[in-house]
Amino acid sequence: MREVKTAWRLWWEWSPERIENWLEEMARQGWILFQVDVASLRFKFMRGEVNQIRYCTDYQENPGDDYFKLFKDDGWELVWAGAFGWYIWRKPYTGERPAIYTDKATMINKTKRSIKVAGSILLFYLLLFMLFFVLGPGLKTIEDNIRLTVSLSLAIIPPVFIFVQLIRYNRKLGRDRIRE
């Protein structure tokens, strides 16, 4: 019977090294990732040999066959093709730690793709927010209007936070690129 471990981890595009380093540390402890849930929060590991495995996350809107071939030819294994264009790749290594992106310009472009998606989601929320404010005065009681306003205000906080964090991360990458 194989030993399986489940772990929950919240991660974001603006800090990919956190999840990548954590997955690599799990492999060093003998826990090899084999499944990620659709929301990319629950990770399942199988007990295996202690290994040095590099994990990398990537976001691609519509990858073609060349995308997968490029990784496969370089020795990367696709661990997870997740929701909304997210991918997790892994590659065993000794010596120098491999990376799928080696230059800041490519990383900036990757994050710009995420900003575009997050911006679209934020725009949807803002339009929804404005629509309810136009319709809100038609609600029967002031309490209904207050509840609706509070609910919508709370609902818009996560997309705004995500959008701002992605922009901050991209600016940091840009500053790092200039220093190189």
N, C-alpha and C. Protein backbone atom coordinates (compact mmCIF):
# COMPACT_ATOMS: atom_id res chain seq x y z
N MET A 1 0.84 -1.18 0.00
CA MET A 1 0.00 0.00 0.00
C MET A 1 0.88 1.25 0.00
N ARG A 2 0.59 2.17 -0.87
CA ARG A 2 1.41 3.38 -0.95
C ARG A 2 0.95 4.41 0.09
N GLU A 3 1.92 5.13 0.59
CA GLU A 3 1.64 6.16 1.58
C GLU A 3 1.36 7.48 0.86
N VAL A 4 0.24 8.10 1.22
CA VAL A 4 -0.19 9.35 0.57
C VAL A 4 -0.35 10.43 1.63
N LYS A 5 0.06 11.61 1.27
CA LYS A 5 -0.04 12.76 2.16
C LYS A 5 -0.77 13.88 1.41
N THR A 6 -1.72 14.52 2.09
CA THR A 6 -2.43 15.65 1.51
C THR A 6 -2.05 16.91 2.27
N ALA A 7 -1.78 17.97 1.52
CA ALA A 7 -1.44 19.25 2.13
C ALA A 7 -2.19 20.36 1.41
N TRP A 8 -2.58 21.35 2.16
CA TRP A 8 -3.28 22.50 1.62
C TRP A 8 -2.32 23.67 1.58
N ARG A 9 -2.30 24.38 0.47
CA ARG A 9 -1.39 25.51 0.34
C ARG A 9 -2.03 26.56 -0.56
N LEU A 10 -2.04 27.78 -0.07
CA LEU A 10 -2.52 28.91 -0.84
C LEU A 10 -1.32 29.54 -1.54
N TRP A 11 -1.42 29.75 -2.84
CA TRP A 11 -0.30 30.35 -3.56
C TRP A 11 -0.83 31.27 -4.66
N TRP A 12 0.05 32.17 -5.06
CA TRP A 12 -0.33 33.17 -6.02
C TRP A 12 0.76 33.38 -7.05
N GLU A 13 0.38 33.92 -8.16
CA GLU A 13 1.30 34.19 -9.26
C GLU A 13 2.39 35.19 -8.85
N TRP A 14 2.08 36.09 -7.93
CA TRP A 14 3.08 37.09 -7.56
C TRP A 14 4.13 36.56 -6.60
N SER A 15 4.03 35.31 -6.24
CA SER A 15 5.07 34.70 -5.41
C SER A 15 5.27 33.24 -5.80
N PRO A 16 5.59 32.99 -7.07
CA PRO A 16 5.71 31.60 -7.53
C PRO A 16 6.82 30.84 -6.81
N GLU A 17 7.87 31.54 -6.40
CA GLU A 17 8.98 30.85 -5.75
C GLU A 17 8.55 30.20 -4.44
N ARG A 18 7.55 30.72 -3.78
CA ARG A 18 7.08 30.11 -2.51
C ARG A 18 6.56 28.70 -2.74
N ILE A 19 5.65 28.54 -3.71
CA ILE A 19 5.09 27.22 -3.95
C ILE A 19 6.13 26.30 -4.56
N GLU A 20 6.97 26.84 -5.44
CA GLU A 20 8.00 26.02 -6.08
C GLU A 20 9.01 25.52 -5.05
N ASN A 21 9.45 26.39 -4.16
CA ASN A 21 10.40 25.98 -3.11
C ASN A 21 9.78 24.98 -2.16
N TRP A 22 8.52 25.18 -1.82
CA TRP A 22 7.83 24.25 -0.92
C TRP A 22 7.71 22.86 -1.56
N LEU A 23 7.34 22.80 -2.84
CA LEU A 23 7.24 21.51 -3.53
C LEU A 23 8.60 20.83 -3.60
N GLU A 24 9.63 21.62 -3.84
CA GLU A 24 10.99 21.06 -3.89
C GLU A 24 11.41 20.51 -2.52
N GLU A 25 11.06 21.23 -1.47
CA GLU A 25 11.38 20.76 -0.11
C GLU A 25 10.61 19.46 0.20
N MET A 26 9.38 19.37 -0.23
CA MET A 26 8.60 18.13 -0.03
C MET A 26 9.32 16.96 -0.72
N ALA A 27 9.84 17.16 -1.93
CA ALA A 27 10.55 16.11 -2.65
C ALA A 27 11.82 15.71 -1.91
N ARG A 28 12.51 16.69 -1.31
CA ARG A 28 13.72 16.39 -0.52
C ARG A 28 13.39 15.54 0.70
N GLN A 29 12.13 15.62 1.15
CA GLN A 29 11.68 14.82 2.29
C GLN A 29 11.08 13.49 1.83
N GLY A 30 11.07 13.26 0.52
CA GLY A 30 10.56 12.00 -0.01
C GLY A 30 9.09 12.04 -0.39
N TRP A 31 8.49 13.21 -0.48
CA TRP A 31 7.10 13.33 -0.87
C TRP A 31 7.03 13.89 -2.28
N ILE A 32 6.53 13.06 -3.21
CA ILE A 32 6.50 13.40 -4.63
C ILE A 32 5.08 13.79 -5.03
N LEU A 33 4.93 14.98 -5.56
CA LEU A 33 3.62 15.49 -5.97
C LEU A 33 3.04 14.61 -7.09
N PHE A 34 1.77 14.21 -6.92
CA PHE A 34 1.13 13.47 -8.00
C PHE A 34 -0.25 14.01 -8.36
N GLN A 35 -0.81 14.90 -7.54
CA GLN A 35 -2.14 15.42 -7.87
C GLN A 35 -2.34 16.78 -7.22
N VAL A 36 -3.03 17.66 -7.95
CA VAL A 36 -3.41 18.98 -7.45
C VAL A 36 -4.89 19.15 -7.78
N ASP A 37 -5.67 19.67 -6.83
CA ASP A 37 -7.10 19.83 -7.12
C ASP A 37 -7.34 20.99 -8.09
N VAL A 38 -8.56 21.08 -8.57
CA VAL A 38 -8.91 22.08 -9.58
C VAL A 38 -8.65 23.50 -9.10
N ALA A 39 -8.89 23.76 -7.83
CA ALA A 39 -8.68 25.11 -7.30
C ALA A 39 -7.20 25.38 -6.99
N SER A 40 -6.37 24.39 -7.18
CA SER A 40 -4.92 24.45 -6.95
C SER A 40 -4.58 24.82 -5.51
N LEU A 41 -5.36 24.30 -4.58
CA LEU A 41 -5.11 24.53 -3.16
C LEU A 41 -4.72 23.26 -2.42
N ARG A 42 -5.20 22.12 -2.90
CA ARG A 42 -4.92 20.84 -2.24
C ARG A 42 -3.93 20.04 -3.08
N PHE A 43 -2.84 19.67 -2.44
CA PHE A 43 -1.77 18.94 -3.10
C PHE A 43 -1.68 17.55 -2.50
N LYS A 44 -1.56 16.54 -3.36
CA LYS A 44 -1.40 15.16 -2.88
C LYS A 44 -0.02 14.66 -3.26
N PHE A 45 0.63 14.04 -2.28
CA PHE A 45 1.98 13.54 -2.44
C PHE A 45 2.00 12.05 -2.16
N MET A 46 2.89 11.37 -2.85
CA MET A 46 3.11 9.95 -2.67
C MET A 46 4.51 9.78 -2.08
N ARG A 47 4.63 8.89 -1.10
CA ARG A 47 5.94 8.62 -0.52
C ARG A 47 6.81 7.97 -1.59
N GLY A 48 7.99 8.51 -1.77
CA GLY A 48 8.93 7.99 -2.76
C GLY A 48 10.34 8.18 -2.28
N GLU A 49 11.27 8.04 -3.19
CA GLU A 49 12.66 8.25 -2.83
C GLU A 49 12.92 9.74 -2.62
N VAL A 50 13.82 10.01 -1.71
CA VAL A 50 14.23 11.39 -1.49
C VAL A 50 14.96 11.84 -2.75
N ASN A 51 14.51 12.94 -3.33
CA ASN A 51 15.06 13.42 -4.59
C ASN A 51 15.23 14.92 -4.58
N GLN A 52 16.08 15.38 -5.45
CA GLN A 52 16.20 16.80 -5.70
C GLN A 52 15.42 17.04 -6.99
N ILE A 53 14.24 17.60 -6.84
CA ILE A 53 13.36 17.83 -7.98
C ILE A 53 13.00 19.31 -8.02
N ARG A 54 13.18 19.90 -9.17
CA ARG A 54 12.82 21.31 -9.37
C ARG A 54 11.38 21.36 -9.85
N TYR A 55 10.57 22.14 -9.19
CA TYR A 55 9.19 22.38 -9.61
C TYR A 55 9.08 23.82 -10.10
N CYS A 56 8.35 24.02 -11.19
CA CYS A 56 8.12 25.36 -11.71
C CYS A 56 6.65 25.50 -12.09
N THR A 57 6.09 26.67 -11.80
CA THR A 57 4.72 26.96 -12.20
C THR A 57 4.77 27.81 -13.46
N ASP A 58 3.73 27.70 -14.26
CA ASP A 58 3.65 28.50 -15.47
C ASP A 58 2.19 28.79 -15.77
N TYR A 59 1.97 29.90 -16.43
CA TYR A 59 0.64 30.27 -16.88
C TYR A 59 0.68 30.51 -18.38
N GLN A 60 -0.17 29.80 -19.10
CA GLN A 60 -0.28 29.95 -20.55
C GLN A 60 -1.75 29.91 -20.92
N GLU A 61 -2.19 30.93 -21.67
CA GLU A 61 -3.61 30.99 -22.03
C GLU A 61 -3.99 29.89 -23.02
N ASN A 62 -3.29 29.79 -24.10
CA ASN A 62 -3.59 28.80 -25.14
C ASN A 62 -2.31 28.19 -25.67
N PRO A 63 -1.70 27.31 -24.90
CA PRO A 63 -0.43 26.75 -25.37
C PRO A 63 -0.65 25.80 -26.53
N GLY A 64 0.27 25.86 -27.46
CA GLY A 64 0.21 24.94 -28.59
C GLY A 64 1.04 23.71 -28.30
N ASP A 65 1.09 22.80 -29.25
CA ASP A 65 1.88 21.57 -29.09
C ASP A 65 3.35 21.88 -28.88
N ASP A 66 3.83 22.95 -29.50
CA ASP A 66 5.24 23.33 -29.35
C ASP A 66 5.60 23.63 -27.90
N TYR A 67 4.67 24.20 -27.18
CA TYR A 67 4.89 24.52 -25.76
C TYR A 67 5.24 23.24 -24.98
N PHE A 68 4.42 22.21 -25.15
CA PHE A 68 4.63 20.96 -24.42
C PHE A 68 5.87 20.23 -24.93
N LYS A 69 6.11 20.28 -26.23
CA LYS A 69 7.28 19.62 -26.81
C LYS A 69 8.57 20.25 -26.30
N LEU A 70 8.60 21.57 -26.20
CA LEU A 70 9.77 22.29 -25.71
C LEU A 70 10.14 21.82 -24.30
N PHE A 71 9.17 21.72 -23.43
CA PHE A 71 9.42 21.26 -22.07
C PHE A 71 9.87 19.80 -22.04
N LYS A 72 9.16 18.96 -22.78
CA LYS A 72 9.49 17.54 -22.80
C LYS A 72 10.90 17.31 -23.33
N ASP A 73 11.26 18.02 -24.39
CA ASP A 73 12.60 17.88 -24.97
C ASP A 73 13.69 18.32 -23.99
N ASP A 74 13.36 19.22 -23.08
CA ASP A 74 14.33 19.70 -22.09
C ASP A 74 14.30 18.87 -20.80
N GLY A 75 13.50 17.80 -20.79
CA GLY A 75 13.49 16.90 -19.64
C GLY A 75 12.48 17.23 -18.56
N TRP A 76 11.57 18.15 -18.81
CA TRP A 76 10.54 18.50 -17.83
C TRP A 76 9.35 17.56 -17.97
N GLU A 77 8.73 17.27 -16.84
CA GLU A 77 7.53 16.43 -16.81
C GLU A 77 6.36 17.29 -16.34
N LEU A 78 5.24 17.21 -17.06
CA LEU A 78 4.04 17.94 -16.67
C LEU A 78 3.38 17.20 -15.50
N VAL A 79 3.26 17.87 -14.37
CA VAL A 79 2.65 17.27 -13.19
C VAL A 79 1.17 17.63 -13.14
N TRP A 80 0.86 18.85 -13.54
CA TRP A 80 -0.52 19.32 -13.41
C TRP A 80 -0.84 20.33 -14.50
N ALA A 81 -1.90 20.08 -15.21
CA ALA A 81 -2.46 21.05 -16.16
C ALA A 81 -3.76 21.49 -15.53
N GLY A 82 -3.72 22.63 -14.88
CA GLY A 82 -4.82 23.02 -14.03
C GLY A 82 -5.80 23.98 -14.65
N ALA A 83 -6.57 24.52 -13.75
CA ALA A 83 -7.64 25.43 -14.12
C ALA A 83 -7.09 26.72 -14.69
N PHE A 84 -7.75 27.21 -15.70
CA PHE A 84 -7.50 28.55 -16.23
C PHE A 84 -6.11 28.75 -16.79
N GLY A 85 -5.44 27.69 -17.26
CA GLY A 85 -4.16 27.85 -17.93
C GLY A 85 -2.93 27.70 -17.05
N TRP A 86 -3.09 27.18 -15.85
CA TRP A 86 -1.95 26.99 -14.95
C TRP A 86 -1.33 25.62 -15.15
N TYR A 87 -0.01 25.57 -15.05
CA TYR A 87 0.73 24.32 -15.21
C TYR A 87 1.80 24.23 -14.12
N ILE A 88 2.04 23.01 -13.68
CA ILE A 88 3.17 22.75 -12.79
C ILE A 88 4.04 21.70 -13.46
N TRP A 89 5.31 22.04 -13.62
CA TRP A 89 6.31 21.18 -14.24
C TRP A 89 7.34 20.75 -13.20
N ARG A 90 7.96 19.59 -13.45
CA ARG A 90 9.03 19.16 -12.56
C ARG A 90 10.15 18.53 -13.37
N LYS A 91 11.34 18.59 -12.74
CA LYS A 91 12.52 18.03 -13.40
C LYS A 91 13.52 17.64 -12.32
N PRO A 92 13.89 16.35 -12.25
CA PRO A 92 14.94 15.96 -11.31
C PRO A 92 16.27 16.58 -11.75
N TYR A 93 17.12 16.87 -10.77
CA TYR A 93 18.40 17.47 -11.12
C TYR A 93 19.45 17.17 -10.07
N THR A 94 20.67 17.31 -10.50
CA THR A 94 21.82 17.33 -9.61
C THR A 94 22.66 18.51 -10.08
N GLY A 95 23.34 19.13 -9.18
CA GLY A 95 24.14 20.29 -9.56
C GLY A 95 23.30 21.54 -9.65
N GLU A 96 23.42 22.23 -10.78
CA GLU A 96 22.74 23.52 -10.95
C GLU A 96 21.23 23.34 -11.04
N ARG A 97 20.51 24.17 -10.31
CA ARG A 97 19.06 24.11 -10.26
C ARG A 97 18.47 24.66 -11.57
N PRO A 98 17.69 23.85 -12.30
CA PRO A 98 17.13 24.31 -13.57
C PRO A 98 15.96 25.27 -13.35
N ALA A 99 15.65 26.02 -14.38
CA ALA A 99 14.50 26.93 -14.36
C ALA A 99 13.87 26.95 -15.74
N ILE A 100 12.56 27.15 -15.78
CA ILE A 100 11.90 27.23 -17.09
C ILE A 100 12.04 28.61 -17.69
N TYR A 101 12.17 29.61 -16.83
CA TYR A 101 12.42 30.97 -17.29
C TYR A 101 13.74 31.43 -16.72
N THR A 102 14.62 31.87 -17.59
CA THR A 102 15.95 32.26 -17.12
C THR A 102 16.19 33.76 -17.24
N ASP A 103 15.24 34.47 -17.82
CA ASP A 103 15.44 35.92 -17.92
C ASP A 103 14.20 36.65 -17.41
N LYS A 104 14.43 37.85 -16.89
CA LYS A 104 13.36 38.65 -16.29
C LYS A 104 12.32 39.08 -17.32
N ALA A 105 12.73 39.34 -18.55
CA ALA A 105 11.78 39.79 -19.57
C ALA A 105 10.69 38.74 -19.80
N THR A 106 11.07 37.48 -19.85
CA THR A 106 10.10 36.41 -20.05
C THR A 106 9.18 36.30 -18.83
N MET A 107 9.75 36.46 -17.65
CA MET A 107 8.94 36.41 -16.43
C MET A 107 7.95 37.58 -16.39
N ILE A 108 8.39 38.74 -16.83
CA ILE A 108 7.51 39.91 -16.87
C ILE A 108 6.35 39.65 -17.83
N ASN A 109 6.64 39.08 -18.99
CA ASN A 109 5.59 38.76 -19.96
C ASN A 109 4.61 37.74 -19.41
N LYS A 110 5.13 36.76 -18.69
CA LYS A 110 4.27 35.75 -18.06
C LYS A 110 3.32 36.42 -17.08
N THR A 111 3.83 37.32 -16.26
CA THR A 111 3.00 38.00 -15.28
C THR A 111 2.01 38.94 -15.96
N LYS A 112 2.40 39.53 -17.07
CA LYS A 112 1.47 40.40 -17.82
C LYS A 112 0.26 39.62 -18.29
N ARG A 113 0.47 38.36 -18.67
CA ARG A 113 -0.67 37.52 -19.07
C ARG A 113 -1.63 37.34 -17.89
N SER A 114 -1.07 37.13 -16.71
CA SER A 114 -1.91 36.98 -15.51
C SER A 114 -2.61 38.29 -15.17
N ILE A 115 -1.93 39.40 -15.34
CA ILE A 115 -2.54 40.71 -15.07
C ILE A 115 -3.73 40.92 -16.00
N LYS A 116 -3.59 40.51 -17.24
CA LYS A 116 -4.68 40.66 -18.21
C LYS A 116 -5.91 39.87 -17.76
N VAL A 117 -5.71 38.65 -17.31
CA VAL A 117 -6.82 37.82 -16.84
C VAL A 117 -7.43 38.42 -15.57
N ALA A 118 -6.56 38.80 -14.62
CA ALA A 118 -7.05 39.38 -13.37
C ALA A 118 -7.78 40.69 -13.64
N GLY A 119 -7.29 41.48 -14.59
CA GLY A 119 -7.94 42.73 -14.96
C GLY A 119 -9.33 42.49 -15.55
N SER A 120 -9.46 41.43 -16.35
CA SER A 120 -10.77 41.09 -16.92
C SER A 120 -11.76 40.70 -15.83
N ILE A 121 -11.28 39.91 -14.88
CA ILE A 121 -12.14 39.51 -13.75
C ILE A 121 -12.52 40.73 -12.93
N LEU A 122 -11.57 41.60 -12.67
CA LEU A 122 -11.84 42.82 -11.91
C LEU A 122 -12.85 43.70 -12.64
N LEU A 123 -12.69 43.83 -13.94
CA LEU A 123 -13.63 44.62 -14.73
C LEU A 123 -15.04 44.04 -14.62
N PHE A 124 -15.15 42.71 -14.69
CA PHE A 124 -16.45 42.06 -14.53
C PHE A 124 -17.07 42.41 -13.18
N TYR A 125 -16.26 42.31 -12.12
CA TYR A 125 -16.76 42.64 -10.78
C TYR A 125 -17.19 44.10 -10.69
N LEU A 126 -16.41 45.00 -11.28
CA LEU A 126 -16.75 46.42 -11.24
C LEU A 126 -18.05 46.70 -11.98
N LEU A 127 -18.23 46.05 -13.13
CA LEU A 127 -19.47 46.22 -13.88
C LEU A 127 -20.66 45.67 -13.09
N LEU A 128 -20.47 44.53 -12.47
CA LEU A 128 -21.50 43.95 -11.62
C LEU A 128 -21.82 44.88 -10.46
N PHE A 129 -20.79 45.41 -9.86
CA PHE A 129 -20.93 46.34 -8.74
C PHE A 129 -21.76 47.56 -9.16
N MET A 130 -21.41 48.14 -10.31
CA MET A 130 -22.13 49.32 -10.79
C MET A 130 -23.57 48.98 -11.15
N LEU A 131 -23.78 47.81 -11.76
CA LEU A 131 -25.13 47.38 -12.11
C LEU A 131 -26.01 47.29 -10.87
N PHE A 132 -25.48 46.71 -9.81
CA PHE A 132 -26.27 46.58 -8.60
C PHE A 132 -26.51 47.93 -7.93
N PHE A 133 -25.59 48.86 -8.09
CA PHE A 133 -25.82 50.18 -7.53
C PHE A 133 -26.93 50.91 -8.29
N VAL A 134 -27.01 50.67 -9.59
CA VAL A 134 -28.09 51.27 -10.37
C VAL A 134 -29.42 50.64 -9.97
N LEU A 135 -29.41 49.31 -9.78
CA LEU A 135 -30.64 48.61 -9.41
C LEU A 135 -30.92 48.68 -7.91
N GLY A 136 -29.86 48.91 -7.12
CA GLY A 136 -29.98 48.90 -5.66
C GLY A 136 -31.06 49.80 -5.11
N PRO A 137 -31.17 51.05 -5.58
CA PRO A 137 -32.20 51.92 -5.01
C PRO A 137 -33.62 51.38 -5.19
N GLY A 138 -33.79 50.44 -6.09
CA GLY A 138 -35.11 49.86 -6.28
C GLY A 138 -35.46 48.80 -5.24
N LEU A 139 -34.51 48.44 -4.39
CA LEU A 139 -34.80 47.47 -3.35
C LEU A 139 -35.79 48.07 -2.35
N LYS A 140 -36.53 47.22 -1.70
CA LYS A 140 -37.64 47.67 -0.87
C LYS A 140 -37.24 48.44 0.38
N THR A 141 -36.17 48.01 1.03
CA THR A 141 -35.84 48.66 2.30
C THR A 141 -34.40 49.17 2.27
N ILE A 142 -34.14 50.10 3.15
CA ILE A 142 -32.79 50.63 3.28
C ILE A 142 -31.84 49.55 3.77
N GLU A 143 -32.35 48.62 4.60
CA GLU A 143 -31.53 47.52 5.09
C GLU A 143 -31.07 46.63 3.93
N ASP A 144 -31.97 46.40 2.96
CA ASP A 144 -31.59 45.60 1.78
C ASP A 144 -30.49 46.31 0.99
N ASN A 145 -30.61 47.60 0.84
CA ASN A 145 -29.59 48.38 0.14
C ASN A 145 -28.25 48.31 0.87
N ILE A 146 -28.29 48.42 2.18
CA ILE A 146 -27.05 48.36 2.98
C ILE A 146 -26.42 46.98 2.86
N ARG A 147 -27.22 45.94 2.99
CA ARG A 147 -26.70 44.56 2.88
C ARG A 147 -26.07 44.34 1.51
N LEU A 148 -26.74 44.79 0.47
CA LEU A 148 -26.23 44.62 -0.89
C LEU A 148 -24.91 45.39 -1.06
N THR A 149 -24.86 46.61 -0.56
CA THR A 149 -23.65 47.42 -0.68
C THR A 149 -22.49 46.78 0.07
N VAL A 150 -22.73 46.31 1.27
CA VAL A 150 -21.67 45.66 2.06
C VAL A 150 -21.22 44.38 1.38
N SER A 151 -22.15 43.57 0.90
CA SER A 151 -21.81 42.31 0.24
C SER A 151 -20.96 42.55 -1.00
N LEU A 152 -21.38 43.49 -1.81
CA LEU A 152 -20.63 43.78 -3.03
C LEU A 152 -19.26 44.38 -2.72
N SER A 153 -19.21 45.21 -1.70
CA SER A 153 -17.92 45.81 -1.32
C SER A 153 -16.95 44.72 -0.86
N LEU A 154 -17.44 43.76 -0.09
CA LEU A 154 -16.58 42.67 0.36
C LEU A 154 -16.19 41.76 -0.80
N ALA A 155 -17.10 41.55 -1.74
CA ALA A 155 -16.82 40.67 -2.87
C ALA A 155 -15.77 41.24 -3.81
N ILE A 156 -15.64 42.55 -3.87
CA ILE A 156 -14.70 43.16 -4.81
C ILE A 156 -13.28 43.23 -4.24
N ILE A 157 -13.14 43.06 -2.94
CA ILE A 157 -11.81 43.16 -2.32
C ILE A 157 -10.82 42.12 -2.87
N PRO A 158 -11.16 40.83 -2.94
CA PRO A 158 -10.17 39.86 -3.46
C PRO A 158 -9.67 40.16 -4.88
N PRO A 159 -10.55 40.45 -5.86
CA PRO A 159 -10.00 40.73 -7.19
C PRO A 159 -9.13 41.99 -7.23
N VAL A 160 -9.49 43.00 -6.46
CA VAL A 160 -8.66 44.21 -6.41
C VAL A 160 -7.30 43.87 -5.81
N PHE A 161 -7.30 43.10 -4.73
CA PHE A 161 -6.04 42.71 -4.07
C PHE A 161 -5.15 41.92 -5.03
N ILE A 162 -5.71 40.94 -5.71
CA ILE A 162 -4.95 40.11 -6.65
C ILE A 162 -4.36 40.97 -7.77
N PHE A 163 -5.18 41.85 -8.34
CA PHE A 163 -4.73 42.72 -9.42
C PHE A 163 -3.56 43.60 -8.97
N VAL A 164 -3.70 44.21 -7.82
CA VAL A 164 -2.65 45.08 -7.30
C VAL A 164 -1.37 44.29 -7.01
N GLN A 165 -1.49 43.11 -6.42
CA GLN A 165 -0.30 42.29 -6.12
C GLN A 165 0.43 41.89 -7.39
N LEU A 166 -0.31 41.53 -8.43
CA LEU A 166 0.33 41.17 -9.70
C LEU A 166 1.09 42.34 -10.30
N ILE A 167 0.49 43.51 -10.24
CA ILE A 167 1.17 44.70 -10.77
C ILE A 167 2.42 44.99 -9.95
N ARG A 168 2.34 44.89 -8.64
CA ARG A 168 3.52 45.13 -7.78
C ARG A 168 4.63 44.12 -8.09
N TYR A 169 4.26 42.85 -8.27
CA TYR A 169 5.25 41.82 -8.58
C TYR A 169 5.92 42.10 -9.92
N ASN A 170 5.12 42.52 -10.90
CA ASN A 170 5.68 42.81 -12.22
C ASN A 170 6.64 44.01 -12.16
N ARG A 171 6.30 45.00 -11.36
CA ARG A 171 7.20 46.15 -11.19
C ARG A 171 8.50 45.71 -10.53
N LYS A 172 8.39 44.83 -9.54
CA LYS A 172 9.60 44.31 -8.87
C LYS A 172 10.48 43.57 -9.88
N LEU A 173 9.86 42.74 -10.74
CA LEU A 173 10.63 42.05 -11.77
C LEU A 173 11.31 43.06 -12.69
N GLY A 174 10.60 44.13 -13.03
CA GLY A 174 11.17 45.16 -13.88
C GLY A 174 12.37 45.84 -13.23
N ARG A 175 12.26 46.14 -11.93
CA ARG A 175 13.39 46.76 -11.22
C ARG A 175 14.58 45.79 -11.16
N ASP A 176 14.28 44.51 -10.91
CA ASP A 176 15.35 43.50 -10.86
C ASP A 176 16.03 43.38 -12.22
N ARG A 177 15.24 43.48 -13.28
CA ARG A 177 15.78 43.39 -14.65
C ARG A 177 16.75 44.54 -14.92
N ILE A 178 16.38 45.74 -14.47
CA ILE A 178 17.24 46.91 -14.68
C ILE A 178 18.56 46.75 -13.95
N ARG A 179 18.54 46.16 -12.77
CA ARG A 179 19.77 45.97 -11.97
C ARG A 179 20.71 44.93 -12.57
N GLU A 180 20.16 44.03 -13.39
CA GLU A 180 21.00 42.95 -13.94
C GLU A 180 21.97 43.45 -14.97
